[in-house]
């Protein structure tokens, strides 16, 4: 478990993430993190949940039209 301390950043409040946490998340200064509300609190992730939904929909589409894609690949 990692404890984060809130600090004032200008007129906002922010949390400083330890270097080890940033390394494990494979993010660096300037990257975007997403806070997803769950039943247990918030999940902080570098992965955009909208992209995951789009990839899932694309996978279903490709599975449905598998034969068409195979013919187009020739």
PDB file of N, CA and C in Angstrom:
ATOM      1  N   UNK A   1       0.847  -1.170   0.000  1.00  0.00           N
ATOM      2  CA  UNK A   1       0.000   0.000   0.000  1.00  0.00           C
ATOM      3  C   UNK A   1       0.896   1.237   0.000  1.00  0.00           C
ATOM      4  N   UNK A   2       0.495   2.232  -0.752  1.00  0.00           N
ATOM      5  CA  UNK A   2       1.219   3.488  -0.821  1.00  0.00           C
ATOM      6  C   UNK A   2       0.316   4.600  -0.296  1.00  0.00           C
ATOM      7  N   UNK A   3       0.849   5.433   0.562  1.00  0.00           N
ATOM      8  CA  UNK A   3       0.100   6.561   1.100  1.00  0.00           C
ATOM      9  C   UNK A   3       0.469   7.811   0.315  1.00  0.00           C
ATOM     10  N   UNK A   4      -0.532   8.567  -0.104  1.00  0.00           N
ATOM     11  CA  UNK A   4      -0.303   9.806  -0.835  1.00  0.00           C
ATOM     12  C   UNK A   4      -0.721  10.978   0.032  1.00  0.00           C
ATOM     13  N   UNK A   5       0.078  12.015   0.029  1.00  0.00           N
ATOM     14  CA  UNK A   5      -0.227  13.208   0.800  1.00  0.00           C
ATOM     15  C   UNK A   5      -0.715  14.295  -0.146  1.00  0.00           C
ATOM     16  N   UNK A   6      -1.825  14.930   0.214  1.00  0.00           N
ATOM     17  CA  UNK A   6      -2.355  16.026  -0.595  1.00  0.00           C
ATOM     18  C   UNK A   6      -1.593  17.298  -0.280  1.00  0.00           C
ATOM     19  N   UNK A   7      -1.346  18.094  -1.313  1.00  0.00           N
ATOM     20  CA  UNK A   7      -0.602  19.334  -1.157  1.00  0.00           C
ATOM     21  C   UNK A   7      -1.219  20.412  -2.039  1.00  0.00           C
ATOM     22  N   UNK A   8      -1.005  21.665  -1.675  1.00  0.00           N
ATOM     23  CA  UNK A   8      -1.532  22.769  -2.448  1.00  0.00           C
ATOM     24  C   UNK A   8      -0.635  22.995  -3.667  1.00  0.00           C
ATOM     25  N   UNK A   9      -1.285  23.096  -4.834  1.00  0.00           N
ATOM     26  CA  UNK A   9      -0.586  23.392  -6.078  1.00  0.00           C
ATOM     27  C   UNK A   9      -1.324  24.568  -6.697  1.00  0.00           C
ATOM     28  N   UNK A  10      -0.784  25.763  -6.503  1.00  0.00           N
ATOM     29  CA  UNK A  10      -1.472  26.980  -6.945  1.00  0.00           C
ATOM     30  C   UNK A  10      -2.769  27.131  -6.176  1.00  0.00           C
ATOM     31  N   UNK A  11      -3.889  27.214  -6.893  1.00  0.00           N
ATOM     32  CA  UNK A  11      -5.181  27.322  -6.222  1.00  0.00           C
ATOM     33  C   UNK A  11      -5.896  25.971  -6.178  1.00  0.00           C
ATOM     34  N   UNK A  12      -5.183  24.909  -6.544  1.00  0.00           N
ATOM     35  CA  UNK A  12      -5.757  23.560  -6.546  1.00  0.00           C
ATOM     36  C   UNK A  12      -5.098  22.702  -5.479  1.00  0.00           C
ATOM     37  N   UNK A  13      -5.548  21.482  -5.364  1.00  0.00           N
ATOM     38  CA  UNK A  13      -4.954  20.510  -4.462  1.00  0.00           C
ATOM     39  C   UNK A  13      -4.527  19.311  -5.296  1.00  0.00           C
ATOM     40  N   UNK A  14      -3.331  18.817  -5.045  1.00  0.00           N
ATOM     41  CA  UNK A  14      -2.822  17.685  -5.807  1.00  0.00           C
ATOM     42  C   UNK A  14      -2.155  16.672  -4.910  1.00  0.00           C
ATOM     43  N   UNK A  15      -1.850  15.529  -5.472  1.00  0.00           N
ATOM     44  CA  UNK A  15      -1.133  14.469  -4.763  1.00  0.00           C
ATOM     45  C   UNK A  15       0.169  14.205  -5.508  1.00  0.00           C
ATOM     46  N   UNK A  16       1.222  14.023  -4.766  1.00  0.00           N
ATOM     47  CA  UNK A  16       2.520  13.710  -5.360  1.00  0.00           C
ATOM     48  C   UNK A  16       2.645  12.194  -5.406  1.00  0.00           C
ATOM     49  N   UNK A  17       2.885  11.662  -6.608  1.00  0.00           N
ATOM     50  CA  UNK A  17       3.027  10.216  -6.778  1.00  0.00           C
ATOM     51  C   UNK A  17       4.500   9.837  -6.697  1.00  0.00           C
ATOM     52  N   UNK A  18       4.834   8.842  -5.880  1.00  0.00           N
ATOM     53  CA  UNK A  18       6.232   8.413  -5.756  1.00  0.00           C
ATOM     54  C   UNK A  18       6.768   7.876  -7.089  1.00  0.00           C
ATOM     55  N   UNK A  19       8.052   8.037  -7.297  1.00  0.00           N
ATOM     56  CA  UNK A  19       8.711   7.597  -8.523  1.00  0.00           C
ATOM     57  C   UNK A  19       8.457   6.121  -8.803  1.00  0.00           C
ATOM     58  N   UNK A  20       8.478   5.278  -7.754  1.00  0.00           N
ATOM     59  CA  UNK A  20       8.258   3.844  -7.944  1.00  0.00           C
ATOM     60  C   UNK A  20       6.864   3.571  -8.515  1.00  0.00           C
ATOM     61  N   UNK A  21       5.884   4.331  -8.056  1.00  0.00           N
ATOM     62  CA  UNK A  21       4.522   4.155  -8.550  1.00  0.00           C
ATOM     63  C   UNK A  21       4.427   4.562 -10.018  1.00  0.00           C
ATOM     64  N   UNK A  22       5.048   5.681 -10.364  1.00  0.00           N
ATOM     65  CA  UNK A  22       5.046   6.146 -11.752  1.00  0.00           C
ATOM     66  C   UNK A  22       5.738   5.142 -12.668  1.00  0.00           C
ATOM     67  N   UNK A  23       6.830   4.575 -12.196  1.00  0.00           N
ATOM     68  CA  UNK A  23       7.566   3.586 -12.982  1.00  0.00           C
ATOM     69  C   UNK A  23       6.718   2.349 -13.220  1.00  0.00           C
ATOM     70  N   UNK A  24       6.051   1.865 -12.193  1.00  0.00           N
ATOM     71  CA  UNK A  24       5.215   0.663 -12.345  1.00  0.00           C
ATOM     72  C   UNK A  24       4.021   0.917 -13.255  1.00  0.00           C
ATOM     73  N   UNK A  25       3.505   2.157 -13.250  1.00  0.00           N
ATOM     74  CA  UNK A  25       2.378   2.507 -14.117  1.00  0.00           C
ATOM     75  C   UNK A  25       2.852   2.855 -15.529  1.00  0.00           C
ATOM     76  N   UNK A  26       4.173   2.956 -15.700  1.00  0.00           N
ATOM     77  CA  UNK A  26       4.790   3.319 -16.985  1.00  0.00           C
ATOM     78  C   UNK A  26       4.291   4.672 -17.485  1.00  0.00           C
ATOM     79  N   UNK A  27       4.302   5.656 -16.582  1.00  0.00           N
ATOM     80  CA  UNK A  27       3.916   7.024 -16.930  1.00  0.00           C
ATOM     81  C   UNK A  27       5.022   7.973 -16.488  1.00  0.00           C
ATOM     82  N   UNK A  28       4.971   9.167 -17.040  1.00  0.00           N
ATOM     83  CA  UNK A  28       5.941  10.195 -16.672  1.00  0.00           C
ATOM     84  C   UNK A  28       5.260  11.554 -16.746  1.00  0.00           C
ATOM     85  N   UNK A  29       5.989  12.576 -16.383  1.00  0.00           N
ATOM     86  CA  UNK A  29       5.460  13.935 -16.375  1.00  0.00           C
ATOM     87  C   UNK A  29       4.852  14.268 -17.739  1.00  0.00           C
ATOM     88  N   UNK A  30       3.628  14.801 -17.706  1.00  0.00           N
ATOM     89  CA  UNK A  30       2.939  15.176 -18.931  1.00  0.00           C
ATOM     90  C   UNK A  30       1.927  14.145 -19.416  1.00  0.00           C
ATOM     91  N   UNK A  31       2.033  12.900 -18.924  1.00  0.00           N
ATOM     92  CA  UNK A  31       1.069  11.871 -19.309  1.00  0.00           C
ATOM     93  C   UNK A  31      -0.273  12.133 -18.625  1.00  0.00           C
ATOM     94  N   UNK A  32      -1.321  11.484 -19.125  1.00  0.00           N
ATOM     95  CA  UNK A  32      -2.662  11.633 -18.568  1.00  0.00           C
ATOM     96  C   UNK A  32      -3.021  10.396 -17.769  1.00  0.00           C
ATOM     97  N   UNK A  33      -3.585  10.602 -16.570  1.00  0.00           N
ATOM     98  CA  UNK A  33      -4.118   9.519 -15.759  1.00  0.00           C
ATOM     99  C   UNK A  33      -5.631   9.685 -15.692  1.00  0.00           C
ATOM    100  N   UNK A  34      -6.335   8.586 -15.584  1.00  0.00           N
ATOM    101  CA  UNK A  34      -7.796   8.603 -15.527  1.00  0.00           C
ATOM    102  C   UNK A  34      -8.240   8.101 -14.160  1.00  0.00           C
ATOM    103  N   UNK A  35      -9.171   8.825 -13.533  1.00  0.00           N
ATOM    104  CA  UNK A  35      -9.753   8.425 -12.254  1.00  0.00           C
ATOM    105  C   UNK A  35     -11.133   7.852 -12.548  1.00  0.00           C
ATOM    106  N   UNK A  36     -11.282   6.555 -12.332  1.00  0.00           N
ATOM    107  CA  UNK A  36     -12.532   5.862 -12.624  1.00  0.00           C
ATOM    108  C   UNK A  36     -13.205   5.531 -11.296  1.00  0.00           C
ATOM    109  N   UNK A  37     -14.437   6.012 -11.131  1.00  0.00           N
ATOM    110  CA  UNK A  37     -15.165   5.751  -9.892  1.00  0.00           C
ATOM    111  C   UNK A  37     -15.685   4.317  -9.894  1.00  0.00           C
ATOM    112  N   UNK A  38     -15.383   3.579  -8.832  1.00  0.00           N
ATOM    113  CA  UNK A  38     -15.860   2.208  -8.665  1.00  0.00           C
ATOM    114  C   UNK A  38     -16.658   2.134  -7.371  1.00  0.00           C
ATOM    115  N   UNK A  39     -17.234   0.988  -7.087  1.00  0.00           N
ATOM    116  CA  UNK A  39     -17.996   0.821  -5.849  1.00  0.00           C
ATOM    117  C   UNK A  39     -17.094   0.885  -4.627  1.00  0.00           C
ATOM    118  N   UNK A  40     -15.806   0.646  -4.807  1.00  0.00           N
ATOM    119  CA  UNK A  40     -14.868   0.645  -3.688  1.00  0.00           C
ATOM    120  C   UNK A  40     -14.059   1.929  -3.577  1.00  0.00           C
ATOM    121  N   UNK A  41     -14.301   2.903  -4.434  1.00  0.00           N
ATOM    122  CA  UNK A  41     -13.552   4.155  -4.426  1.00  0.00           C
ATOM    123  C   UNK A  41     -13.159   4.528  -5.840  1.00  0.00           C
ATOM    124  N   UNK A  42     -11.971   5.079  -5.995  1.00  0.00           N
ATOM    125  CA  UNK A  42     -11.490   5.483  -7.312  1.00  0.00           C
ATOM    126  C   UNK A  42     -10.311   4.630  -7.736  1.00  0.00           C
ATOM    127  N   UNK A  43     -10.278   4.309  -9.019  1.00  0.00           N
ATOM    128  CA  UNK A  43      -9.172   3.582  -9.633  1.00  0.00           C
ATOM    129  C   UNK A  43      -8.407   4.581 -10.486  1.00  0.00           C
ATOM    130  N   UNK A  44      -7.117   4.745 -10.231  1.00  0.00           N
ATOM    131  CA  UNK A  44      -6.268   5.642 -11.011  1.00  0.00           C
ATOM    132  C   UNK A  44      -5.510   4.787 -12.018  1.00  0.00           C
ATOM    133  N   UNK A  45      -5.676   5.095 -13.309  1.00  0.00           N
ATOM    134  CA  UNK A  45      -5.074   4.284 -14.353  1.00  0.00           C
ATOM    135  C   UNK A  45      -4.599   5.155 -15.517  1.00  0.00           C
ATOM    136  N   UNK A  46      -3.549   4.723 -16.215  1.00  0.00           N
ATOM    137  CA  UNK A  46      -3.121   5.463 -17.403  1.00  0.00           C
ATOM    138  C   UNK A  46      -3.909   5.065 -18.651  1.00  0.00           C
ATOM    139  N   UNK A  47      -4.801   4.087 -18.527  1.00  0.00           N
ATOM    140  CA  UNK A  47      -5.532   3.564 -19.687  1.00  0.00           C
ATOM    141  C   UNK A  47      -6.904   4.217 -19.791  1.00  0.00           C
ATOM    142  N   UNK A  48      -7.200   4.785 -20.942  1.00  0.00           N
ATOM    143  CA  UNK A  48      -8.473   5.458 -21.187  1.00  0.00           C
ATOM    144  C   UNK A  48      -9.578   4.405 -21.314  1.00  0.00           C
ATOM    145  N   UNK A  49     -10.573   4.434 -20.415  1.00  0.00           N
ATOM    146  CA  UNK A  49     -11.626   3.423 -20.482  1.00  0.00           C
ATOM    147  C   UNK A  49     -12.455   3.501 -21.768  1.00  0.00           C
ATOM    148  N   UNK A  50     -12.556   4.661 -22.387  1.00  0.00           N
ATOM    149  CA  UNK A  50     -13.297   4.802 -23.640  1.00  0.00           C
ATOM    150  C   UNK A  50     -12.612   4.018 -24.758  1.00  0.00           C
ATOM    151  N   UNK A  51     -11.291   4.004 -24.764  1.00  0.00           N
ATOM    152  CA  UNK A  51     -10.539   3.252 -25.770  1.00  0.00           C
ATOM    153  C   UNK A  51     -10.768   1.756 -25.579  1.00  0.00           C
ATOM    154  N   UNK A  52     -10.805   1.302 -24.339  1.00  0.00           N
ATOM    155  CA  UNK A  52     -11.046  -0.114 -24.072  1.00  0.00           C
ATOM    156  C   UNK A  52     -12.413  -0.535 -24.612  1.00  0.00           C
ATOM    157  N   UNK A  53     -13.419   0.301 -24.422  1.00  0.00           N
ATOM    158  CA  UNK A  53     -14.756   0.002 -24.951  1.00  0.00           C
ATOM    159  C   UNK A  53     -14.733  -0.060 -26.471  1.00  0.00           C
ATOM    160  N   UNK A  54     -14.010   0.861 -27.101  1.00  0.00           N
ATOM    161  CA  UNK A  54     -13.919   0.877 -28.556  1.00  0.00           C
ATOM    162  C   UNK A  54     -13.198  -0.363 -29.076  1.00  0.00           C
ATOM    163  N   UNK A  55     -12.137  -0.773 -28.399  1.00  0.00           N
ATOM    164  CA  UNK A  55     -11.407  -1.978 -28.813  1.00  0.00           C
ATOM    165  C   UNK A  55     -12.277  -3.221 -28.691  1.00  0.00           C
ATOM    166  N   UNK A  56     -13.070  -3.284 -27.633  1.00  0.00           N
ATOM    167  CA  UNK A  56     -13.965  -4.427 -27.452  1.00  0.00           C
ATOM    168  C   UNK A  56     -15.014  -4.462 -28.567  1.00  0.00           C
ATOM    169  N   UNK A  57     -15.586  -3.314 -28.885  1.00  0.00           N
ATOM    170  CA  UNK A  57     -16.585  -3.239 -29.959  1.00  0.00           C
ATOM    171  C   UNK A  57     -15.949  -3.617 -31.297  1.00  0.00           C
ATOM    172  N   UNK A  58     -14.726  -3.153 -31.540  1.00  0.00           N
ATOM    173  CA  UNK A  58     -14.020  -3.490 -32.774  1.00  0.00           C
ATOM    174  C   UNK A  58     -13.738  -4.972 -32.869  1.00  0.00           C
ATOM    175  N   UNK A  59     -13.360  -5.589 -31.752  1.00  0.00           N
ATOM    176  CA  UNK A  59     -13.101  -7.025 -31.736  1.00  0.00           C
ATOM    177  C   UNK A  59     -14.353  -7.828 -32.063  1.00  0.00           C
ATOM    178  N   UNK A  60     -15.485  -7.400 -31.501  1.00  0.00           N
ATOM    179  CA  UNK A  60     -16.750  -8.076 -31.793  1.00  0.00           C
ATOM    180  C   UNK A  60     -17.123  -7.918 -33.275  1.00  0.00           C
ATOM    181  N   UNK A  61     -16.900  -6.733 -33.812  1.00  0.00           N
ATOM    182  CA  UNK A  61     -17.190  -6.473 -35.225  1.00  0.00           C
ATOM    183  C   UNK A  61     -16.330  -7.359 -36.117  1.00  0.00           C
ATOM    184  N   UNK A  62     -15.037  -7.432 -35.801  1.00  0.00           N
ATOM    185  CA  UNK A  62     -14.124  -8.236 -36.607  1.00  0.00           C
ATOM    186  C   UNK A  62     -14.469  -9.723 -36.519  1.00  0.00           C
ATOM    187  N   UNK A  63     -14.914 -10.163 -35.337  1.00  0.00           N
ATOM    188  CA  UNK A  63     -15.294 -11.564 -35.183  1.00  0.00           C
ATOM    189  C   UNK A  63     -16.534 -11.878 -36.023  1.00  0.00           C
ATOM    190  N   UNK A  64     -17.476 -10.943 -36.037  1.00  0.00           N
ATOM    191  CA  UNK A  64     -18.713 -11.145 -36.797  1.00  0.00           C
ATOM    192  C   UNK A  64     -18.447 -11.215 -38.304  1.00  0.00           C
ATOM    193  N   UNK A  65     -17.498 -10.405 -38.780  1.00  0.00           N
ATOM    194  CA  UNK A  65     -17.205 -10.338 -40.220  1.00  0.00           C
ATOM    195  C   UNK A  65     -15.854 -10.970 -40.551  1.00  0.00           C
ATOM    196  N   UNK A  66     -15.504 -12.029 -39.834  1.00  0.00           N
ATOM    197  CA  UNK A  66     -14.216 -12.708 -39.997  1.00  0.00           C
ATOM    198  C   UNK A  66     -13.986 -13.140 -41.437  1.00  0.00           C
ATOM    199  N   UNK A  67     -14.991 -13.741 -42.072  1.00  0.00           N
ATOM    200  CA  UNK A  67     -14.839 -14.235 -43.444  1.00  0.00           C
ATOM    201  C   UNK A  67     -14.587 -13.081 -44.424  1.00  0.00           C
ATOM    202  N   UNK A  68     -15.262 -11.971 -44.210  1.00  0.00           N
ATOM    203  CA  UNK A  68     -15.064 -10.805 -45.073  1.00  0.00           C
ATOM    204  C   UNK A  68     -13.653 -10.275 -44.962  1.00  0.00           C
ATOM    205  N   UNK A  69     -13.153 -10.173 -43.733  1.00  0.00           N
ATOM    206  CA  UNK A  69     -11.779  -9.683 -43.530  1.00  0.00           C
ATOM    207  C   UNK A  69     -10.756 -10.638 -44.131  1.00  0.00           C
ATOM    208  N   UNK A  70     -11.035 -11.937 -44.038  1.00  0.00           N
ATOM    209  CA  UNK A  70     -10.114 -12.929 -44.604  1.00  0.00           C
ATOM    210  C   UNK A  70     -10.056 -12.769 -46.124  1.00  0.00           C
ATOM    211  N   UNK A  71     -11.215 -12.564 -46.776  1.00  0.00           N
ATOM    212  CA  UNK A  71     -11.250 -12.371 -48.228  1.00  0.00           C
ATOM    213  C   UNK A  71     -10.541 -11.073 -48.624  1.00  0.00           C
ATOM    214  N   UNK A  72     -10.707 -10.032 -47.841  1.00  0.00           N
ATOM    215  CA  UNK A  72     -10.073  -8.744 -48.145  1.00  0.00           C
ATOM    216  C   UNK A  72      -8.552  -8.824 -47.986  1.00  0.00           C
ATOM    217  N   UNK A  73      -8.083  -9.703 -47.128  1.00  0.00           N
ATOM    218  CA  UNK A  73      -6.644  -9.807 -46.886  1.00  0.00           C
ATOM    219  C   UNK A  73      -5.893 -10.478 -48.024  1.00  0.00           C
ATOM    220  N   UNK A  74      -6.622 -11.122 -48.930  1.00  0.00           N
ATOM    221  CA  UNK A  74      -5.962 -11.837 -50.045  1.00  0.00           C
ATOM    222  C   UNK A  74      -5.450 -10.906 -51.087  1.00  0.00           C
TER     223      UNK A  74
END
